[in-house]
Amino acid sequence: MSLELGELHEECGVFGIWGDPAAPAKTYWGTFSLQHRGQESAGIAVLHEGQLQVEKGMGLLQDAVSLDSVRMQAGSAAIGHVRYSTSGESSAMNAQPLLMHTRFGALALAHNGNLVNHAVLRKQLEANGAIFQGTSDSEVLAHLLARSQERDFRDALLDAARQLQGGYAFVLLTTSGLYGIRDPHGIRPLVLGRTKEGSGVLASETCALDMIDAVWVRDVGAGEIVWISSSGVQSLSFAPRSDMRACAFEVVYFSRADSQMAGESMHLRRRLLGKKLAEEAPVDADVVVGVPDSSLPAAMGFAEASRLPFDFGLVKNRYIARTFIAPAAELRAQGVRLKLSAVKEVVEGRRVALVDDSLVRGTTSRHIIRLLRRAGAREVHMRIASPPYLEPCHYGIDTSRAGELAARNLTLPELAAMVGADSLAFLSPQGLLDALGPRGWCLACFGQGYPVPVIKDESQENVHVQ
C-alpha cells in the first residue's frame, strides 16, 4: 500500500523568497518542487512596487498558475503554496496564498498544517464581527492579526501566534518583509535557506532550496518566528521551549527522498528503517520488492540487511494522476491498476518480500498483492517500514476515521488475510525511533500519544481540522 497510491492524503507545501529580482520565477520552481505535498490547489503571491498580486486556482501548479505570466512578472519577493485540504472545502475560495488587507497593509499568507483550536477561535472571531472568506482554518491567523491590539505588526504577529494550537508552518508576505512561523513542537517542517546572491528563502523542504540553487542554513526552530527584510534575517521565540515533536511521517513518507531534515538525508533514514525492519521481521524470500516510489529506499535497506537481492518487481506509470484524488474506493482501485504494473520476469515463481512504507486502510495493499500473484509470485510476504497506524492525525495529514484504520480494528493474522499476504509484519515503535535518531518525534498516529491536546467536535467521530 504505497501512501501515494491512495491511503493517506498529503498535507501542504509552502515557499517564500525575499530580496531577489527573479523572485516570481524562483517561487514558481521552488513551489513546483513541493508538488508532492498537495495537488488540489496551488498559487503564488508576488510583491512588486509595493503591491501584492496573487494568482491561484485548482489543480496542479502548472494548471493554476501560468508559467509564461510568471516569467514576465517583475517582483522582488514572493510566496507559493500547494494544498491538499484537511480542513475546509476543496474549492477555489480556499486556495492559497490568501490575500488580506489589514490595518497593517496588504498581507499574503500560506499555511501547512492544522490548527486544532481553529473552530473555537473562529467562533470567537465571528462573534466579534469577523467575516471569513472561506472555510479553511488558515484564515484564522489573518483575523487574529487584524484584531490584535498591538500597534506594531511584529508584536501583533507574536500576539496572534500565541493563540494558535496544533501543528503548523506559516509563511507571510508583507510589503516590508517575509515571515515564517513554526509551531511550538516543530511538528510541521520549515527550513531557512539562502541563495548565492544572498536572498533569504523559506520552504517546507530542502528540495525546494536545491531547485533554485540555494543552500540550507538551518531548520526554523520550534516556536520560532523568523523574518527576512532589507535588514537581513531576524528571529524570536513566541512560545516557551517545548519538547521537539517533529512529524515522523515526514521521514517515513511525505518528504522527498532528496530532502534533508536537520541536515540528515531522508533517503538514508528510509534505508535505516528498512534495515531495522529486516532485523525485527526477517523472512525467507527470493527477492525484495519495494512499492514505488517512497518505499524503495526502505526496500533497499531491507534487502541489504537480509542479504537478499533487491529488484524492481513493480513499475509505476508516471503519467497517471495520484489515485487519492479519486473520491470512491472503486475508482482508487482502478487507479492502482493504471498506476502500477508487476514485472513478471522478476516475481514469477518466486517468494517475494514486499516492502512498503505504511498501511492505513489496507485496500491498496490488497490490490498490489493481487498484481504480484497474477504475475506468478509464489508467495508474498509483506513488511511495513513503520509501526501499525492506529490513530488519525490532527496536525496536517488527512487520515481516515478511526473506524477505517485497518491495524486498529484487525489482529495481525486478520490483517494479513485481508490484504492477501502469506505473512505480515510491522516495524516496532522502538525500531522506528532507533532508525530516526535521538531527536524528538511525533508518533501520535502510531498510538504513542498526541503532543498537542485535541479539541473534539462532539458531532463527529473525529476532529475536523485543516
Protein backbone atom coordinates (compact mmCIF):
# COMPACT_ATOMS: atom_id res chain seq x y z
CA MET A 1 0.00 0.00 0.00
CA SER A 2 2.03 2.99 -1.04
CA LEU A 3 0.61 6.14 0.50
CA GLU A 4 0.80 7.94 -2.78
CA LEU A 5 -1.48 5.26 -4.16
CA GLY A 6 -4.42 6.24 -2.06
CA GLU A 7 -4.28 5.55 1.66
CA LEU A 8 -3.38 8.98 3.05
CA HIS A 9 -3.96 12.44 1.74
CA GLU A 10 -0.98 14.73 1.56
CA GLU A 11 -0.62 17.87 3.56
CA CYS A 12 0.59 21.19 2.04
CA GLY A 13 3.80 22.85 0.94
CA VAL A 14 4.94 26.46 1.41
CA PHE A 15 7.74 28.51 -0.14
CA GLY A 16 8.90 32.11 0.14
CA ILE A 17 11.77 34.31 -1.05
CA TRP A 18 12.74 37.91 -0.27
CA GLY A 19 15.04 40.39 -1.99
CA ASP A 20 15.55 38.65 -5.33
CA PRO A 21 14.82 40.22 -8.74
CA ALA A 22 13.89 36.76 -10.04
CA ALA A 23 11.53 36.08 -7.10
CA PRO A 24 8.42 35.18 -9.19
CA ALA A 25 10.23 32.56 -11.31
CA LYS A 26 12.19 31.14 -8.37
CA THR A 27 8.98 30.87 -6.36
CA TYR A 28 7.29 29.02 -9.20
CA TRP A 29 10.06 26.44 -9.41
CA GLY A 30 10.52 26.20 -5.65
CA THR A 31 6.80 25.60 -5.23
CA PHE A 32 6.81 23.18 -8.15
CA SER A 33 9.38 21.04 -6.32
CA LEU A 34 6.88 20.73 -3.44
CA GLN A 35 4.05 19.50 -5.67
CA HIS A 36 4.16 16.07 -3.99
CA ARG A 37 2.80 17.70 -0.83
CA GLY A 38 -0.53 18.66 -2.38
CA GLN A 39 -2.21 18.52 -5.77
CA GLU A 40 -5.62 20.00 -5.04
CA SER A 41 -4.85 23.70 -5.49
CA ALA A 42 -1.85 25.97 -5.88
CA GLY A 43 -0.92 29.62 -6.06
CA ILE A 44 1.73 32.33 -5.93
CA ALA A 45 1.71 35.83 -4.41
CA VAL A 46 4.23 38.40 -5.72
CA LEU A 47 5.36 41.71 -4.25
CA HIS A 48 6.06 44.34 -6.93
CA GLU A 49 6.48 48.07 -6.34
CA GLY A 50 4.67 47.90 -3.01
CA GLN A 51 1.70 45.91 -4.33
CA LEU A 52 0.80 42.27 -3.66
CA GLN A 53 -0.68 40.28 -6.52
CA VAL A 54 -1.98 36.71 -6.27
CA GLU A 55 -2.55 34.10 -8.97
CA LYS A 56 -4.03 30.80 -7.82
CA GLY A 57 -6.52 28.11 -8.72
CA MET A 58 -7.49 24.46 -8.53
CA GLY A 59 -5.29 21.59 -9.62
CA LEU A 60 -1.54 21.32 -10.04
CA LEU A 61 0.67 24.41 -10.05
CA GLN A 62 1.06 24.24 -13.82
CA ASP A 63 -2.75 24.36 -14.14
CA ALA A 64 -3.31 27.05 -11.52
CA VAL A 65 -0.51 29.46 -12.42
CA SER A 66 0.69 30.36 -15.90
CA LEU A 67 4.44 29.91 -16.23
CA ASP A 68 4.50 32.41 -19.08
CA SER A 69 2.90 35.09 -16.90
CA VAL A 70 5.32 34.32 -14.07
CA ARG A 71 8.30 34.67 -16.42
CA MET A 72 7.07 38.10 -17.49
CA GLN A 73 6.24 39.24 -13.97
CA ALA A 74 8.57 41.55 -12.05
CA GLY A 75 8.88 41.37 -8.30
CA SER A 76 11.43 41.29 -5.51
CA ALA A 77 9.63 38.87 -3.18
CA ALA A 78 7.03 36.13 -3.43
CA ILE A 79 5.45 33.16 -1.66
CA GLY A 80 3.95 29.97 -3.08
CA HIS A 81 1.62 27.23 -1.86
CA VAL A 82 0.42 23.78 -2.86
CA ARG A 83 -2.57 22.39 -0.99
CA TYR A 84 -4.46 19.29 -0.12
CA SER A 85 -7.32 20.24 2.16
CA THR A 86 -7.52 18.64 5.58
CA SER A 87 -9.80 21.39 6.86
CA GLY A 88 -12.24 23.34 4.78
CA GLU A 89 -13.81 22.52 1.47
CA SER A 90 -11.93 21.64 -1.70
CA SER A 91 -12.77 24.81 -3.60
CA ALA A 92 -11.15 27.81 -5.24
CA MET A 93 -12.08 30.08 -2.34
CA ASN A 94 -9.77 28.07 -0.07
CA ALA A 95 -6.85 28.04 -2.50
CA GLN A 96 -3.78 29.82 -1.16
CA PRO A 97 -1.95 32.17 -0.76
CA LEU A 98 -4.74 34.13 0.90
CA LEU A 99 -4.60 37.88 0.25
CA MET A 100 -5.81 40.13 3.06
CA HIS A 101 -5.95 43.90 3.51
CA THR A 102 -5.45 44.83 7.15
CA ARG A 103 -4.67 47.95 9.16
CA PHE A 104 -1.01 46.93 8.79
CA GLY A 105 -1.36 46.91 5.00
CA ALA A 106 -1.63 44.10 2.47
CA LEU A 107 -0.75 40.58 3.61
CA ALA A 108 -0.39 37.29 1.71
CA LEU A 109 -0.47 34.07 3.75
CA ALA A 110 0.27 30.41 3.06
CA HIS A 111 -0.10 27.57 5.57
CA ASN A 112 0.89 23.95 6.05
CA GLY A 113 -0.72 22.14 8.96
CA ASN A 114 -3.75 22.15 11.22
CA LEU A 115 -4.93 24.42 14.00
CA VAL A 116 -6.71 22.12 16.43
CA ASN A 117 -8.40 25.11 18.11
CA HIS A 118 -9.48 26.79 14.88
CA ALA A 119 -13.20 26.14 15.43
CA VAL A 120 -13.07 27.82 18.85
CA LEU A 121 -11.09 30.78 17.54
CA ARG A 122 -13.35 31.15 14.53
CA LYS A 123 -16.49 31.28 16.68
CA GLN A 124 -14.92 33.92 18.89
CA LEU A 125 -13.85 36.00 15.91
CA GLU A 126 -17.24 35.74 14.20
CA ALA A 127 -18.95 36.75 17.46
CA ASN A 128 -16.83 39.90 17.34
CA GLY A 129 -17.84 40.68 13.77
CA ALA A 130 -15.16 38.93 11.70
CA ILE A 131 -16.26 37.89 8.20
CA PHE A 132 -14.45 34.87 6.74
CA GLN A 133 -13.94 34.50 3.01
CA GLY A 134 -13.61 30.69 3.07
CA THR A 135 -13.78 27.64 5.31
CA SER A 136 -10.06 26.93 5.78
CA ASP A 137 -8.52 27.32 9.23
CA SER A 138 -5.62 29.24 7.66
CA GLU A 139 -7.71 32.41 7.59
CA VAL A 140 -7.89 32.46 11.40
CA LEU A 141 -4.33 33.80 11.69
CA ALA A 142 -5.11 36.78 9.44
CA HIS A 143 -8.15 37.70 11.52
CA LEU A 144 -6.19 37.38 14.77
CA LEU A 145 -3.58 39.71 13.31
CA ALA A 146 -6.16 42.23 12.19
CA ARG A 147 -7.86 42.30 15.59
CA SER A 148 -4.74 42.41 17.74
CA GLN A 149 -4.48 45.46 20.00
CA GLU A 150 -0.75 45.70 19.29
CA ARG A 151 0.40 48.65 17.20
CA ASP A 152 3.45 47.07 15.60
CA PHE A 153 2.98 44.25 13.07
CA ARG A 154 5.59 42.01 14.66
CA ASP A 155 4.03 42.43 18.09
CA ALA A 156 0.62 41.65 16.59
CA LEU A 157 2.10 38.55 14.93
CA LEU A 158 3.50 37.44 18.28
CA ASP A 159 0.13 38.04 19.90
CA ALA A 160 -1.66 36.02 17.20
CA ALA A 161 0.84 33.14 17.16
CA ARG A 162 0.50 32.65 20.92
CA GLN A 163 -3.20 31.88 20.44
CA LEU A 164 -2.65 29.09 17.91
CA GLN A 165 -2.64 25.41 18.87
CA GLY A 166 -1.71 22.50 16.64
CA GLY A 167 0.97 21.59 14.12
CA TYR A 168 1.65 24.32 11.59
CA ALA A 169 4.09 26.27 9.46
CA PHE A 170 3.09 29.64 8.01
CA VAL A 171 4.81 31.96 5.55
CA LEU A 172 3.52 35.52 5.35
CA LEU A 173 4.49 38.20 2.85
CA THR A 174 4.04 41.91 3.56
CA THR A 175 5.38 44.96 1.81
CA SER A 176 8.18 45.17 4.37
CA GLY A 177 9.23 41.57 4.95
CA LEU A 178 8.83 37.82 4.63
CA TYR A 179 7.84 35.96 7.81
CA GLY A 180 7.91 32.29 8.80
CA ILE A 181 6.22 30.71 11.84
CA ARG A 182 6.68 27.14 13.12
CA ASP A 183 4.56 25.56 15.84
CA PRO A 184 5.98 25.16 19.38
CA HIS A 185 6.58 21.42 18.94
CA GLY A 186 8.05 21.69 15.44
CA ILE A 187 5.52 19.15 14.16
CA ARG A 188 5.31 20.63 10.68
CA PRO A 189 8.60 21.32 8.86
CA LEU A 190 10.03 24.70 7.81
CA VAL A 191 13.59 25.45 6.70
CA LEU A 192 15.59 28.63 6.17
CA GLY A 193 17.86 28.96 3.15
CA ARG A 194 19.93 31.47 1.24
CA THR A 195 20.59 31.97 -2.47
CA LYS A 196 24.08 32.58 -3.85
CA GLU A 197 23.10 36.24 -4.20
CA GLY A 198 22.18 36.43 -0.52
CA SER A 199 18.38 36.38 -0.78
CA GLY A 200 16.52 34.72 2.10
CA VAL A 201 14.33 31.68 1.45
CA LEU A 202 11.74 29.75 3.49
CA ALA A 203 10.41 26.36 2.42
CA SER A 204 8.73 23.20 3.67
CA GLU A 205 11.62 21.06 2.42
CA THR A 206 15.23 21.44 1.34
CA CYS A 207 14.44 20.01 -2.11
CA ALA A 208 12.86 23.42 -2.87
CA LEU A 209 16.16 25.10 -2.00
CA ASP A 210 18.01 22.75 -4.32
CA MET A 211 15.61 23.58 -7.13
CA ILE A 212 16.65 27.24 -7.13
CA ASP A 213 20.32 26.56 -6.32
CA ALA A 214 20.01 27.89 -2.77
CA VAL A 215 21.74 26.44 0.29
CA TRP A 216 20.22 25.22 3.55
CA VAL A 217 21.08 27.46 6.51
CA ARG A 218 19.09 25.74 9.27
CA ASP A 219 15.67 24.47 10.22
CA VAL A 220 13.35 27.09 11.67
CA GLY A 221 13.11 26.30 15.36
CA ALA A 222 10.04 25.06 17.19
CA GLY A 223 8.04 28.05 18.42
CA GLU A 224 10.15 30.46 16.36
CA ILE A 225 9.20 33.39 14.14
CA VAL A 226 11.80 34.40 11.55
CA TRP A 227 11.53 37.42 9.33
CA ILE A 228 13.60 38.42 6.34
CA SER A 229 13.83 42.02 5.24
CA SER A 230 16.30 44.59 3.93
CA SER A 231 17.89 44.40 7.39
CA GLY A 232 18.67 40.69 6.98
CA VAL A 233 17.32 37.71 8.93
CA GLN A 234 15.97 38.16 12.45
CA SER A 235 14.10 35.82 14.77
CA LEU A 236 12.41 35.47 18.13
CA SER A 237 10.53 32.82 20.10
CA PHE A 238 6.81 33.20 20.68
CA ALA A 239 6.32 30.20 22.98
CA PRO A 240 8.21 28.51 25.83
CA ARG A 241 10.54 25.81 24.61
CA SER A 242 8.58 22.57 24.27
CA ASP A 243 9.77 19.07 23.61
CA MET A 244 10.56 18.72 19.91
CA ARG A 245 7.98 16.51 18.22
CA ALA A 246 8.78 16.58 14.50
CA CYS A 247 6.38 14.52 12.37
CA ALA A 248 7.83 11.03 11.91
CA PHE A 249 5.77 10.61 8.76
CA GLU A 250 7.88 13.26 7.07
CA VAL A 251 10.69 10.69 7.17
CA VAL A 252 8.53 7.62 6.59
CA TYR A 253 6.82 9.04 3.53
CA PHE A 254 5.91 12.69 2.98
CA SER A 255 9.22 14.42 2.32
CA ARG A 256 11.03 13.80 -0.92
CA ALA A 257 13.90 11.32 -0.65
CA ASP A 258 16.36 14.03 -1.75
CA SER A 259 15.31 16.37 1.07
CA GLN A 260 17.01 16.68 4.42
CA MET A 261 15.69 17.25 7.94
CA ALA A 262 18.08 18.88 10.41
CA GLY A 263 20.79 18.20 7.87
CA GLU A 264 20.08 14.46 7.65
CA SER A 265 19.17 12.68 4.41
CA MET A 266 15.62 11.34 4.06
CA HIS A 267 16.87 8.64 1.70
CA LEU A 268 19.44 7.35 4.17
CA ARG A 269 16.94 7.45 7.05
CA ARG A 270 14.50 5.37 5.00
CA ARG A 271 17.22 2.83 4.25
CA LEU A 272 17.81 2.59 8.02
CA LEU A 273 14.09 1.94 8.50
CA GLY A 274 14.37 -0.98 6.09
CA LYS A 275 17.46 -2.38 7.81
CA LYS A 276 15.79 -2.19 11.20
CA LEU A 277 12.68 -3.87 9.77
CA ALA A 278 14.79 -6.75 8.44
CA GLU A 279 16.34 -7.21 11.89
CA GLU A 280 12.95 -7.32 13.60
CA ALA A 281 10.94 -9.25 10.98
CA PRO A 282 13.19 -11.44 8.79
CA VAL A 283 11.62 -13.51 6.05
CA ASP A 284 12.64 -16.43 3.83
CA ALA A 285 12.32 -14.94 0.35
CA ASP A 286 13.95 -14.97 -3.07
CA VAL A 287 13.67 -11.28 -3.89
CA VAL A 288 12.86 -7.98 -2.16
CA VAL A 289 10.46 -5.64 -3.96
CA GLY A 290 9.52 -2.10 -2.91
CA VAL A 291 6.38 -0.16 -3.76
CA PRO A 292 7.38 2.87 -5.88
CA ASP A 293 8.49 5.46 -5.00
CA SER A 294 8.76 6.33 -1.32
CA SER A 295 9.22 2.70 -0.20
CA LEU A 296 12.20 1.94 -2.43
CA PRO A 297 14.92 3.15 -0.02
CA ALA A 298 13.41 1.04 2.80
CA ALA A 299 13.24 -1.96 0.46
CA MET A 300 16.91 -1.46 -0.43
CA GLY A 301 17.83 -1.34 3.25
CA PHE A 302 15.74 -4.45 3.95
CA ALA A 303 17.46 -6.33 1.12
CA GLU A 304 20.92 -5.24 2.26
CA ALA A 305 20.36 -6.32 5.86
CA SER A 306 18.71 -9.59 4.75
CA ARG A 307 21.38 -10.35 2.16
CA LEU A 308 18.66 -10.83 -0.40
CA PRO A 309 18.56 -9.44 -3.95
CA PHE A 310 16.58 -6.25 -4.49
CA ASP A 311 14.74 -5.82 -7.79
CA PHE A 312 12.07 -3.66 -9.40
CA GLY A 313 9.14 -6.05 -9.30
CA LEU A 314 6.65 -3.18 -9.56
CA VAL A 315 6.77 -0.42 -12.16
CA LYS A 316 4.91 2.87 -11.88
CA ASN A 317 3.24 4.66 -14.75
CA ARG A 318 4.29 8.25 -14.06
CA TYR A 319 1.66 9.77 -16.33
CA ILE A 320 -1.32 8.83 -14.18
CA ALA A 321 -2.63 11.31 -11.60
CA ARG A 322 -2.39 10.31 -7.96
CA THR A 323 -5.21 7.96 -7.04
CA PHE A 324 -6.07 9.50 -3.68
CA ILE A 325 -7.83 12.29 -5.57
CA ALA A 326 -10.41 9.75 -6.75
CA PRO A 327 -13.41 10.00 -4.39
CA ALA A 328 -14.59 6.39 -4.44
CA ALA A 329 -12.86 3.17 -3.47
CA GLU A 330 -13.76 1.62 -6.85
CA LEU A 331 -12.01 4.46 -8.68
CA ARG A 332 -8.99 4.23 -6.37
CA ALA A 333 -8.72 0.52 -7.11
CA GLN A 334 -8.82 1.22 -10.85
CA GLY A 335 -6.17 3.87 -10.26
CA VAL A 336 -3.86 1.29 -8.68
CA ARG A 337 -4.20 -0.93 -11.75
CA LEU A 338 -3.47 2.00 -14.02
CA LYS A 339 -0.57 3.27 -11.95
CA LEU A 340 1.30 0.05 -11.13
CA SER A 341 2.32 -2.99 -13.09
CA ALA A 342 4.07 -6.11 -11.84
CA VAL A 343 7.20 -7.29 -13.67
CA LYS A 344 6.54 -10.96 -14.38
CA GLU A 345 10.19 -11.80 -15.02
CA VAL A 346 11.12 -10.59 -11.53
CA VAL A 347 8.38 -12.21 -9.44
CA GLU A 348 7.15 -15.30 -11.32
CA GLY A 349 7.63 -18.47 -9.28
CA ARG A 350 9.46 -16.60 -6.53
CA ARG A 351 8.90 -15.81 -2.87
CA VAL A 352 8.55 -12.05 -2.72
CA ALA A 353 9.30 -9.85 0.30
CA LEU A 354 7.13 -6.81 -0.42
CA VAL A 355 8.26 -3.70 1.49
CA ASP A 356 6.01 -0.66 1.87
CA ASP A 357 6.26 2.46 3.99
CA SER A 358 2.93 2.09 5.82
CA LEU A 359 -0.51 0.52 5.83
CA VAL A 360 -3.62 2.54 6.63
CA ARG A 361 -6.88 1.16 5.22
CA GLY A 362 -5.18 -1.79 3.55
CA THR A 363 -7.18 -1.62 0.33
CA THR A 364 -4.24 -0.55 -1.82
CA SER A 365 -2.02 -3.24 -0.28
CA ARG A 366 -4.59 -5.84 -1.25
CA HIS A 367 -4.62 -4.69 -4.88
CA ILE A 368 -0.80 -4.65 -5.08
CA ILE A 369 -0.52 -8.18 -3.71
CA ARG A 370 -3.12 -9.32 -6.26
CA LEU A 371 -0.96 -7.78 -9.00
CA LEU A 372 2.04 -9.76 -7.82
CA ARG A 373 0.11 -13.03 -7.61
CA ARG A 374 -1.34 -12.54 -11.08
CA ALA A 375 2.23 -12.09 -12.30
CA GLY A 376 3.08 -15.50 -10.82
CA ALA A 377 4.52 -14.73 -7.38
CA ARG A 378 4.59 -17.97 -5.41
CA GLU A 379 4.48 -16.26 -2.01
CA VAL A 380 4.10 -12.62 -0.93
CA HIS A 381 5.38 -11.63 2.50
CA MET A 382 4.52 -8.04 3.36
CA ARG A 383 6.82 -5.94 5.54
CA ILE A 384 5.85 -2.42 6.62
CA ALA A 385 8.66 0.05 7.43
CA SER A 386 6.65 1.83 10.14
CA PRO A 387 4.51 0.74 13.10
CA PRO A 388 0.77 -0.04 12.81
CA TYR A 389 -1.25 3.09 12.03
CA LEU A 390 -3.67 3.32 14.95
CA GLU A 391 -4.87 6.92 15.36
CA PRO A 392 -5.98 9.71 12.99
CA CYS A 393 -3.60 12.64 12.60
CA HIS A 394 -4.89 16.07 13.65
CA TYR A 395 -1.83 18.09 12.69
CA GLY A 396 -1.97 18.35 8.93
CA ILE A 397 -2.38 14.89 7.40
CA ASP A 398 -5.85 13.90 6.27
CA THR A 399 -6.16 10.34 7.55
CA SER A 400 -9.16 8.05 7.61
CA ARG A 401 -11.56 7.99 10.53
CA ALA A 402 -10.57 5.65 13.33
CA GLY A 403 -13.10 3.06 12.17
CA GLU A 404 -11.30 2.79 8.80
CA LEU A 405 -7.80 2.22 10.18
CA ALA A 406 -7.13 -1.43 9.46
CA ALA A 407 -4.48 -2.12 12.12
CA ARG A 408 -6.69 -0.55 14.79
CA ASN A 409 -9.57 -2.89 14.07
CA LEU A 410 -7.96 -6.19 12.99
CA THR A 411 -5.47 -8.58 14.54
CA LEU A 412 -2.23 -9.19 12.65
CA PRO A 413 -3.41 -12.56 11.22
CA GLU A 414 -6.73 -10.98 10.21
CA LEU A 415 -4.91 -8.09 8.57
CA ALA A 416 -2.61 -10.45 6.65
CA ALA A 417 -5.65 -12.39 5.43
CA MET A 418 -7.44 -9.18 4.43
CA VAL A 419 -4.58 -7.97 2.22
CA GLY A 420 -3.86 -11.48 0.94
CA ALA A 421 -0.29 -11.78 2.26
CA ASP A 422 1.35 -15.05 3.31
CA SER A 423 2.78 -13.13 6.26
CA LEU A 424 2.72 -9.56 7.50
CA ALA A 425 4.91 -7.65 9.96
CA PHE A 426 5.37 -4.01 11.01
CA LEU A 427 8.38 -2.13 12.33
CA SER A 428 8.04 -1.58 16.07
CA PRO A 429 7.74 1.95 17.57
CA GLN A 430 11.14 1.45 19.23
CA GLY A 431 12.62 0.27 15.93
CA LEU A 432 11.29 3.41 14.28
CA LEU A 433 12.85 5.61 16.96
CA ASP A 434 16.17 3.74 16.71
CA ALA A 435 16.27 4.43 12.97
CA LEU A 436 15.15 8.06 13.25
CA GLY A 437 17.65 9.04 15.91
CA PRO A 438 17.50 10.85 19.25
CA ARG A 439 15.61 13.97 18.14
CA GLY A 440 12.03 14.22 19.47
CA TRP A 441 9.32 12.84 17.19
CA CYS A 442 5.53 12.95 16.95
CA LEU A 443 4.30 9.33 16.88
CA ALA A 444 0.63 10.10 17.55
CA CYS A 445 -0.61 8.18 14.52
CA PHE A 446 1.22 5.11 15.85
CA GLY A 447 -0.69 5.26 19.12
CA GLN A 448 2.06 6.98 21.12
CA GLY A 449 0.01 9.98 22.28
CA TYR A 450 -0.82 13.42 20.89
CA PRO A 451 1.75 16.13 21.77
CA VAL A 452 -0.91 18.86 21.42
CA PRO A 453 -4.30 18.15 23.06
CA VAL A 454 -7.04 17.59 20.51
CA ILE A 455 -10.25 19.60 20.79
CA LYS A 456 -13.11 17.27 19.93
CA ASP A 457 -16.17 18.07 17.89
CA GLU A 458 -18.91 16.00 19.51
CA SER A 459 -20.93 15.97 16.28
CA GLN A 460 -18.26 13.89 14.53
CA GLU A 461 -16.38 10.69 15.21
CA ASN A 462 -13.11 12.56 14.78
CA VAL A 463 -11.95 16.12 14.92
CA HIS A 464 -12.36 18.24 11.77
CA VAL A 465 -9.21 20.30 11.31
CA GLN A 466 -7.04 21.75 8.46
